[in-house]
Amino acid sequence: MKILHAPIIEKSTDDFQIENMFPLPLYTTKRDSDLDSTEEKEIEDIIEAGLYKEGNWTTHNTYIFNDKLKKIKQFCEKHINIYVKEVLNPLKETNYYITQSWLNVTNPGEFHHLHSHANSIISGVFYISTEVSDTIVYMDPNGKEKTPQSIPKDFNVWNTPDWSFPVENNNLILFPSWLTHYVPGNESARSNGPRITIAFNTFAKGIFGNTKLRNELILS
């Protein structure tokens, strides 16, 4: 097996340099158009079909891309393919596809609990309605293993326990499904209405692993 040495130099002086190892991918992009009238109507229909609360509100329907929001789904699929090529870079041909998809509504003071996505490889969030203060927060997956857990004088890429990313309308974020994340509560008044997002999971078809290593997996 080839070992890749591609240092990402975070800090360098005449005396030393510090490199990042095993970085985590967070893929971000933005659709260059707002919702059209058909999409706005479909969002309204999805919400009117029913929501239930678990910190914020989410749809009973967890397959909304199956029959609605076709252009948003295509946009997400386009960037899933880019993520697979640029991040996973599989040796053999694979087909990554969206499995479940659902809509979230977050009102002032509400939040989305700390969680990850099981039975999924790449997860994503597409942002329909946001405020300037809206963020998504990702936790360091190795946080519990790090010792000692001292309080840093200043936070940097190696000692911070989480990363908070600002979001805006028409953003799409893709990330490994096992990465724990949450949406913090926001007590501020929302001039643009509630925060509305579409979340989704993916899985894949194709050949994974290697026959000689006895870990080959064929999914079709």
Protein backbone atom coordinates (compact mmCIF):
# COMPACT_ATOMS: atom_id res chain seq x y z
CA MET A 1 0.00 0.00 0.00
CA LYS A 2 1.36 3.38 -0.96
CA ILE A 3 1.75 5.83 1.91
CA LEU A 4 0.93 9.36 0.89
CA HIS A 5 3.02 12.17 2.29
CA ALA A 6 1.36 15.41 1.35
CA PRO A 7 1.96 17.81 4.23
CA ILE A 8 -0.39 20.67 4.84
CA ILE A 9 1.80 23.19 6.56
CA GLU A 10 -0.22 25.16 9.07
CA LYS A 11 2.64 27.06 10.67
CA SER A 12 6.27 27.53 9.70
CA THR A 13 9.19 29.52 11.09
CA ASP A 14 12.97 29.43 10.60
CA ASP A 15 13.17 26.98 13.53
CA PHE A 16 10.22 24.62 12.94
CA GLN A 17 7.09 23.84 11.01
CA ILE A 18 3.81 22.22 12.07
CA GLU A 19 1.91 20.05 9.59
CA ASN A 20 -1.68 18.80 9.62
CA MET A 21 -2.27 15.05 9.37
CA PHE A 22 -5.51 13.28 8.46
CA PRO A 23 -7.62 16.39 7.88
CA LEU A 24 -11.41 16.06 7.65
CA PRO A 25 -13.27 17.23 4.55
CA LEU A 26 -16.04 19.80 4.76
CA TYR A 27 -17.31 20.51 1.24
CA THR A 28 -19.14 23.79 0.70
CA THR A 29 -20.71 25.34 -2.38
CA LYS A 30 -23.57 27.68 -3.26
CA ARG A 31 -26.32 27.47 -5.84
CA ASP A 32 -26.34 30.60 -8.00
CA SER A 33 -30.11 31.00 -7.96
CA ASP A 34 -32.78 31.50 -5.31
CA LEU A 35 -35.87 29.33 -5.05
CA ASP A 36 -38.23 29.69 -7.97
CA SER A 37 -42.00 29.88 -7.51
CA THR A 38 -42.44 26.12 -7.99
CA GLU A 39 -39.83 25.33 -5.36
CA GLU A 40 -41.35 27.83 -2.92
CA LYS A 41 -44.75 26.17 -3.36
CA GLU A 42 -43.25 22.71 -2.88
CA ILE A 43 -41.52 23.83 0.34
CA GLU A 44 -44.87 25.13 1.62
CA ASP A 45 -46.55 21.84 0.68
CA ILE A 46 -43.88 19.79 2.45
CA ILE A 47 -44.27 21.82 5.65
CA GLU A 48 -48.07 21.70 5.51
CA ALA A 49 -47.93 17.88 5.17
CA GLY A 50 -46.73 17.68 8.76
CA LEU A 51 -43.81 18.20 11.13
CA TYR A 52 -42.83 16.81 14.51
CA LYS A 53 -40.54 18.33 17.15
CA GLU A 54 -37.21 17.06 18.47
CA GLY A 55 -35.43 20.28 19.48
CA ASN A 56 -36.55 21.81 16.22
CA TRP A 57 -39.18 20.65 13.71
CA THR A 58 -38.66 18.03 11.03
CA THR A 59 -40.89 16.43 8.41
CA HIS A 60 -42.63 13.08 8.84
CA ASN A 61 -41.74 12.52 5.18
CA THR A 62 -38.09 11.47 5.00
CA TYR A 63 -37.99 10.97 1.23
CA ILE A 64 -38.89 14.47 0.03
CA PHE A 65 -36.45 14.33 -2.92
CA ASN A 66 -38.37 11.36 -4.34
CA ASP A 67 -41.15 13.52 -5.77
CA LYS A 68 -40.32 17.18 -5.02
CA LEU A 69 -37.55 19.77 -5.43
CA LYS A 70 -36.05 18.06 -8.47
CA LYS A 71 -33.62 20.87 -9.35
CA ILE A 72 -32.26 21.12 -5.80
CA LYS A 73 -31.77 17.34 -5.77
CA GLN A 74 -29.87 17.53 -9.07
CA PHE A 75 -27.67 20.29 -7.68
CA CYS A 76 -26.90 18.16 -4.62
CA GLU A 77 -26.18 15.08 -6.77
CA LYS A 78 -23.77 17.06 -8.95
CA HIS A 79 -21.71 18.06 -5.93
CA ILE A 80 -21.89 14.62 -4.31
CA ASN A 81 -20.16 13.32 -7.45
CA ILE A 82 -17.48 16.01 -7.17
CA TYR A 83 -16.98 15.19 -3.47
CA VAL A 84 -16.56 11.49 -4.32
CA LYS A 85 -14.01 12.27 -7.03
CA GLU A 86 -11.99 14.84 -5.09
CA VAL A 87 -12.18 13.40 -1.56
CA LEU A 88 -12.83 9.64 -1.73
CA ASN A 89 -11.24 9.14 -5.17
CA PRO A 90 -12.31 5.47 -5.50
CA LEU A 91 -10.15 3.14 -7.60
CA LYS A 92 -13.17 1.32 -9.03
CA GLU A 93 -16.34 2.86 -10.38
CA THR A 94 -18.97 3.56 -7.75
CA ASN A 95 -22.39 5.17 -7.79
CA TYR A 96 -23.27 7.34 -4.81
CA TYR A 97 -26.95 8.18 -4.47
CA ILE A 98 -29.25 10.02 -2.07
CA THR A 99 -31.20 7.72 0.23
CA GLN A 100 -33.36 9.62 2.73
CA SER A 101 -34.03 13.36 2.60
CA TRP A 102 -36.08 15.55 4.94
CA LEU A 103 -36.82 19.17 5.79
CA ASN A 104 -36.00 20.94 9.07
CA VAL A 105 -37.59 24.10 10.48
CA THR A 106 -35.85 25.89 13.38
CA ASN A 107 -37.63 28.78 15.13
CA PRO A 108 -36.05 31.29 17.58
CA GLY A 109 -34.77 29.49 20.68
CA GLU A 110 -34.91 26.05 19.07
CA PHE A 111 -31.89 23.87 18.26
CA HIS A 112 -30.92 20.62 16.56
CA HIS A 113 -29.45 18.01 18.89
CA LEU A 114 -25.91 16.64 18.81
CA HIS A 115 -25.91 13.70 16.40
CA SER A 116 -24.31 11.87 13.48
CA HIS A 117 -25.95 9.98 10.59
CA ALA A 118 -26.00 6.18 10.70
CA ASN A 119 -26.20 3.97 7.58
CA SER A 120 -24.88 6.78 5.41
CA ILE A 121 -21.52 7.63 3.83
CA ILE A 122 -21.84 11.31 2.88
CA SER A 123 -24.44 13.57 4.48
CA GLY A 124 -25.49 17.01 3.34
CA VAL A 125 -27.47 20.10 4.23
CA PHE A 126 -28.98 22.55 1.76
CA TYR A 127 -30.00 25.92 3.23
CA ILE A 128 -33.36 27.36 2.22
CA SER A 129 -33.80 30.22 4.72
CA THR A 130 -31.14 31.59 7.06
CA GLU A 131 -30.12 34.60 9.14
CA VAL A 132 -26.66 36.16 9.37
CA SER A 133 -26.07 34.55 12.77
CA ASP A 134 -26.91 30.98 11.65
CA THR A 135 -24.20 28.33 11.95
CA ILE A 136 -23.62 24.59 12.01
CA VAL A 137 -21.14 23.18 14.55
CA TYR A 138 -18.93 20.11 14.08
CA MET A 139 -17.24 18.30 16.98
CA ASP A 140 -13.66 17.01 17.03
CA PRO A 141 -14.07 13.22 16.57
CA ASN A 142 -10.94 12.60 18.66
CA GLY A 143 -11.87 15.03 21.41
CA LYS A 144 -12.42 12.38 24.10
CA GLU A 145 -9.08 10.71 23.36
CA LYS A 146 -7.03 13.87 23.63
CA THR A 147 -5.13 14.30 26.90
CA PRO A 148 -4.55 16.43 28.79
CA GLN A 149 -7.70 18.43 28.10
CA SER A 150 -6.39 21.80 29.22
CA ILE A 151 -8.07 25.10 28.48
CA PRO A 152 -6.02 26.83 25.77
CA LYS A 153 -4.95 30.43 25.97
CA ASP A 154 -5.89 30.80 22.31
CA PHE A 155 -7.77 28.33 20.13
CA ASN A 156 -6.16 26.91 17.01
CA VAL A 157 -6.76 24.05 14.55
CA TRP A 158 -5.23 21.49 16.95
CA ASN A 159 -6.77 22.37 20.31
CA THR A 160 -10.31 23.50 19.52
CA PRO A 161 -13.06 21.00 20.49
CA ASP A 162 -15.42 22.13 17.73
CA TRP A 163 -15.72 24.22 14.58
CA SER A 164 -18.59 26.61 13.92
CA PHE A 165 -19.34 27.40 10.27
CA PRO A 166 -21.57 30.28 9.15
CA VAL A 167 -24.22 29.44 6.57
CA GLU A 168 -26.45 31.38 4.20
CA ASN A 169 -29.26 30.81 1.72
CA ASN A 170 -28.52 28.36 -1.12
CA ASN A 171 -25.42 26.95 0.60
CA LEU A 172 -24.79 23.23 0.33
CA ILE A 173 -22.52 21.50 2.86
CA LEU A 174 -21.30 17.90 2.45
CA PHE A 175 -19.43 15.99 5.16
CA PRO A 176 -18.66 12.44 6.36
CA SER A 177 -21.85 11.06 7.88
CA TRP A 178 -20.07 9.83 11.02
CA LEU A 179 -18.96 13.36 11.95
CA THR A 180 -20.91 14.56 15.00
CA HIS A 181 -22.61 17.93 14.63
CA TYR A 182 -25.42 20.11 15.94
CA VAL A 183 -27.25 23.40 15.43
CA PRO A 184 -26.97 25.76 18.42
CA GLY A 185 -30.04 27.52 19.77
CA ASN A 186 -30.63 31.04 18.51
CA GLU A 187 -32.61 33.40 20.73
CA SER A 188 -32.45 36.36 18.36
CA ALA A 189 -35.49 37.61 16.46
CA ARG A 190 -35.59 36.26 12.92
CA SER A 191 -36.54 38.89 10.38
CA ASN A 192 -36.52 36.29 7.57
CA GLY A 193 -38.66 33.76 9.42
CA PRO A 194 -37.51 30.34 10.71
CA ARG A 195 -34.32 28.65 9.60
CA ILE A 196 -35.28 26.08 6.93
CA THR A 197 -32.94 23.39 5.66
CA ILE A 198 -33.03 20.17 3.67
CA ALA A 199 -30.87 17.36 5.05
CA PHE A 200 -30.04 14.12 3.28
CA ASN A 201 -27.99 10.93 3.45
CA THR A 202 -26.24 8.89 0.79
CA PHE A 203 -25.04 5.37 0.16
CA ALA A 204 -23.25 3.71 -2.73
CA LYS A 205 -23.30 0.90 -5.25
CA GLY A 206 -20.17 -0.66 -6.70
CA ILE A 207 -17.12 -2.68 -5.66
CA PHE A 208 -15.38 -1.83 -2.41
CA GLY A 209 -12.33 -3.36 -0.78
CA ASN A 210 -9.98 -5.90 -2.30
CA THR A 211 -10.27 -9.63 -3.06
CA LYS A 212 -6.74 -10.42 -1.87
CA LEU A 213 -7.25 -8.58 1.41
CA ARG A 214 -10.49 -10.56 1.95
CA ASN A 215 -12.51 -7.39 2.44
CA GLU A 216 -14.18 -7.12 -0.95
CA LEU A 217 -17.77 -5.89 -0.85
CA ILE A 218 -19.98 -5.83 -3.96
CA LEU A 219 -23.09 -3.69 -3.67
CA SER A 220 -25.53 -3.53 -6.55
